[in-house]
Amino acid sequence: MSVDGVGGTTPPRTSVKVQILGDEYTIRTDAPAAHTREVAAHVDRIIRQVMASGSVVETHKAAILAALQVTDELFRARSEARELAARERELGAEVRRWLPPTKRGEGARGRDEDGSSPA
């Protein structure tokens, strides 16, 4: 997704008009229009929450604080996804140990993850 006039060399597939804090923006995106509107609505909601807190009056400062909040959400979600993927690998390795050697998958060849023979 890119704001009108900003983006890569690949021509965008669609343009979607959205409103954030009453201002209209044209977003060029290959994502579905409904998704783009949802994203814009989320940004609008977060900026409004920041402004409603009373600590910030200027919209550009509220937008920066909202960007920080959304980025924090993204980073936390990525961290959780990495943790889940690691746990999934651990569980997969544990399950493979209990399988007969012929059922452990191509990479296992009858050995545990550390290369030793199963007990």
C-alpha atoms as a PDB file:
ATOM      1  CA  MET A   1       0.000   0.000   0.000  1.00  0.00           C
ATOM      2  CA  SER A   2       1.368   3.454  -0.808  1.00  0.00           C
ATOM      3  CA  VAL A   3       0.063   6.978  -0.540  1.00  0.00           C
ATOM      4  CA  ASP A   4      -0.705   8.633  -3.867  1.00  0.00           C
ATOM      5  CA  GLY A   5       2.540   9.637  -5.547  1.00  0.00           C
ATOM      6  CA  VAL A   6       4.744   7.512  -3.283  1.00  0.00           C
ATOM      7  CA  GLY A   7       5.718   3.923  -3.896  1.00  0.00           C
ATOM      8  CA  GLY A   8       7.661   1.442  -5.947  1.00  0.00           C
ATOM      9  CA  THR A   9       8.071   1.119  -9.682  1.00  0.00           C
ATOM     10  CA  THR A  10       5.298  -1.451 -10.054  1.00  0.00           C
ATOM     11  CA  PRO A  11       2.075   0.243 -11.134  1.00  0.00           C
ATOM     12  CA  PRO A  12      -0.653  -0.098  -8.502  1.00  0.00           C
ATOM     13  CA  ARG A  13      -3.750  -2.120  -9.298  1.00  0.00           C
ATOM     14  CA  THR A  14      -6.359   0.011  -7.552  1.00  0.00           C
ATOM     15  CA  SER A  15      -6.835   3.378  -5.929  1.00  0.00           C
ATOM     16  CA  VAL A  16      -8.999   3.605  -2.833  1.00  0.00           C
ATOM     17  CA  LYS A  17     -10.233   6.846  -1.293  1.00  0.00           C
ATOM     18  CA  VAL A  18     -10.210   6.863   2.495  1.00  0.00           C
ATOM     19  CA  GLN A  19     -10.808   9.472   5.188  1.00  0.00           C
ATOM     20  CA  ILE A  20      -8.580   9.992   8.188  1.00  0.00           C
ATOM     21  CA  LEU A  21      -9.494  12.795  10.602  1.00  0.00           C
ATOM     22  CA  GLY A  22     -11.829  14.216   7.980  1.00  0.00           C
ATOM     23  CA  ASP A  23      -9.127  14.488   5.304  1.00  0.00           C
ATOM     24  CA  GLU A  24      -9.447  12.407   2.150  1.00  0.00           C
ATOM     25  CA  TYR A  25      -6.483  10.354   0.946  1.00  0.00           C
ATOM     26  CA  THR A  26      -6.114   8.271  -2.191  1.00  0.00           C
ATOM     27  CA  ILE A  27      -4.299   5.044  -1.408  1.00  0.00           C
ATOM     28  CA  ARG A  28      -2.861   2.965  -4.232  1.00  0.00           C
ATOM     29  CA  THR A  29      -2.792  -0.679  -3.295  1.00  0.00           C
ATOM     30  CA  ASP A  30      -2.964  -4.230  -4.520  1.00  0.00           C
ATOM     31  CA  ALA A  31      -4.945  -5.129  -1.383  1.00  0.00           C
ATOM     32  CA  PRO A  32      -8.724  -5.367  -1.535  1.00  0.00           C
ATOM     33  CA  ALA A  33     -10.505  -2.022  -1.114  1.00  0.00           C
ATOM     34  CA  ALA A  34     -12.319  -3.252   2.005  1.00  0.00           C
ATOM     35  CA  HIS A  35      -8.990  -4.129   3.641  1.00  0.00           C
ATOM     36  CA  THR A  36      -7.552  -0.709   2.793  1.00  0.00           C
ATOM     37  CA  ARG A  37     -10.604   1.005   4.272  1.00  0.00           C
ATOM     38  CA  GLU A  38     -10.279  -1.126   7.414  1.00  0.00           C
ATOM     39  CA  VAL A  39      -6.626  -0.119   7.782  1.00  0.00           C
ATOM     40  CA  ALA A  40      -7.491   3.563   7.325  1.00  0.00           C
ATOM     41  CA  ALA A  41     -10.325   3.278   9.842  1.00  0.00           C
ATOM     42  CA  HIS A  42      -7.920   1.716  12.340  1.00  0.00           C
ATOM     43  CA  VAL A  43      -5.420   4.554  11.851  1.00  0.00           C
ATOM     44  CA  ASP A  44      -8.218   7.122  12.206  1.00  0.00           C
ATOM     45  CA  ARG A  45      -9.450   5.434  15.399  1.00  0.00           C
ATOM     46  CA  ILE A  46      -5.977   5.311  16.980  1.00  0.00           C
ATOM     47  CA  ILE A  47      -5.252   8.968  16.169  1.00  0.00           C
ATOM     48  CA  ARG A  48      -8.625   9.970  17.626  1.00  0.00           C
ATOM     49  CA  GLN A  49      -7.894   7.970  20.797  1.00  0.00           C
ATOM     50  CA  VAL A  50      -4.558   9.740  21.175  1.00  0.00           C
ATOM     51  CA  MET A  51      -6.221  13.118  20.694  1.00  0.00           C
ATOM     52  CA  ALA A  52      -9.039  12.220  23.109  1.00  0.00           C
ATOM     53  CA  SER A  53      -6.493  11.473  25.823  1.00  0.00           C
ATOM     54  CA  GLY A  54      -6.002  15.233  26.076  1.00  0.00           C
ATOM     55  CA  SER A  55      -2.232  15.044  26.126  1.00  0.00           C
ATOM     56  CA  VAL A  56      -1.863  16.039  22.457  1.00  0.00           C
ATOM     57  CA  VAL A  57      -3.752  18.694  20.500  1.00  0.00           C
ATOM     58  CA  GLU A  58      -1.787  18.965  17.251  1.00  0.00           C
ATOM     59  CA  THR A  59      -2.885  16.352  14.707  1.00  0.00           C
ATOM     60  CA  HIS A  60       0.625  15.753  13.358  1.00  0.00           C
ATOM     61  CA  LYS A  61       1.881  14.921  16.853  1.00  0.00           C
ATOM     62  CA  ALA A  62      -1.143  12.692  17.449  1.00  0.00           C
ATOM     63  CA  ALA A  63      -0.390  10.930  14.147  1.00  0.00           C
ATOM     64  CA  ILE A  64       3.203  10.307  15.229  1.00  0.00           C
ATOM     65  CA  LEU A  65       2.079   8.904  18.592  1.00  0.00           C
ATOM     66  CA  ALA A  66      -0.527   6.765  16.804  1.00  0.00           C
ATOM     67  CA  ALA A  67       2.180   5.476  14.433  1.00  0.00           C
ATOM     68  CA  LEU A  68       4.292   4.535  17.441  1.00  0.00           C
ATOM     69  CA  GLN A  69       1.355   2.710  19.004  1.00  0.00           C
ATOM     70  CA  VAL A  70       0.519   0.805  15.805  1.00  0.00           C
ATOM     71  CA  THR A  71       4.187  -0.070  15.292  1.00  0.00           C
ATOM     72  CA  ASP A  72       4.369  -1.352  18.859  1.00  0.00           C
ATOM     73  CA  GLU A  73       1.329  -3.550  18.153  1.00  0.00           C
ATOM     74  CA  LEU A  74       3.047  -4.852  15.008  1.00  0.00           C
ATOM     75  CA  PHE A  75       6.319  -5.616  16.779  1.00  0.00           C
ATOM     76  CA  ARG A  76       4.511  -7.402  19.617  1.00  0.00           C
ATOM     77  CA  ALA A  77       2.493  -9.474  17.125  1.00  0.00           C
ATOM     78  CA  ARG A  78       5.665 -10.411  15.228  1.00  0.00           C
ATOM     79  CA  SER A  79       7.362 -11.423  18.471  1.00  0.00           C
ATOM     80  CA  GLU A  80       4.387 -13.580  19.433  1.00  0.00           C
ATOM     81  CA  ALA A  81       4.405 -15.167  15.961  1.00  0.00           C
ATOM     82  CA  ARG A  82       8.141 -15.987  16.310  1.00  0.00           C
ATOM     83  CA  GLU A  83       7.526 -17.499  19.746  1.00  0.00           C
ATOM     84  CA  LEU A  84       4.658 -19.605  18.413  1.00  0.00           C
ATOM     85  CA  ALA A  85       6.741 -20.777  15.445  1.00  0.00           C
ATOM     86  CA  ALA A  86       9.595 -21.752  17.783  1.00  0.00           C
ATOM     87  CA  ARG A  87       7.201 -23.633  20.049  1.00  0.00           C
ATOM     88  CA  GLU A  88       5.710 -25.377  17.012  1.00  0.00           C
ATOM     89  CA  ARG A  89       9.206 -26.510  15.932  1.00  0.00           C
ATOM     90  CA  GLU A  90       9.916 -27.766  19.459  1.00  0.00           C
ATOM     91  CA  LEU A  91       6.672 -29.725  19.558  1.00  0.00           C
ATOM     92  CA  GLY A  92       7.321 -31.122  16.077  1.00  0.00           C
ATOM     93  CA  ALA A  93      10.768 -32.322  17.145  1.00  0.00           C
ATOM     94  CA  GLU A  94       9.291 -33.895  20.258  1.00  0.00           C
ATOM     95  CA  VAL A  95       6.596 -35.686  18.260  1.00  0.00           C
ATOM     96  CA  ARG A  96       9.148 -36.901  15.666  1.00  0.00           C
ATOM     97  CA  ARG A  97      11.167 -38.577  18.430  1.00  0.00           C
ATOM     98  CA  TRP A  98       8.182 -40.788  19.216  1.00  0.00           C
ATOM     99  CA  LEU A  99       7.549 -41.771  15.597  1.00  0.00           C
ATOM    100  CA  PRO A 100       9.083 -44.869  14.031  1.00  0.00           C
ATOM    101  CA  PRO A 101      12.284 -43.941  12.118  1.00  0.00           C
ATOM    102  CA  THR A 102      10.599 -44.491   8.749  1.00  0.00           C
ATOM    103  CA  LYS A 103       7.850 -41.976   9.629  1.00  0.00           C
ATOM    104  CA  ARG A 104      10.058 -39.146  10.894  1.00  0.00           C
ATOM    105  CA  GLY A 105      10.391 -37.292   7.630  1.00  0.00           C
ATOM    106  CA  GLU A 106      13.160 -37.002   5.085  1.00  0.00           C
ATOM    107  CA  GLY A 107      15.648 -35.033   7.197  1.00  0.00           C
ATOM    108  CA  ALA A 108      15.453 -37.252  10.313  1.00  0.00           C
ATOM    109  CA  ARG A 109      16.710 -40.619   8.908  1.00  0.00           C
ATOM    110  CA  GLY A 110      16.098 -42.348  12.216  1.00  0.00           C
ATOM    111  CA  ARG A 111      18.047 -39.894  14.366  1.00  0.00           C
ATOM    112  CA  ASP A 112      17.033 -37.294  16.922  1.00  0.00           C
ATOM    113  CA  GLU A 113      17.483 -33.578  16.263  1.00  0.00           C
ATOM    114  CA  ASP A 114      20.979 -33.662  17.847  1.00  0.00           C
ATOM    115  CA  GLY A 115      22.062 -36.487  15.507  1.00  0.00           C
ATOM    116  CA  SER A 116      21.994 -39.232  18.106  1.00  0.00           C
ATOM    117  CA  SER A 117      20.034 -42.449  17.787  1.00  0.00           C
ATOM    118  CA  PRO A 118      16.735 -42.457  19.688  1.00  0.00           C
ATOM    119  CA  ALA A 119      16.686 -44.316  23.010  1.00  0.00           C
END
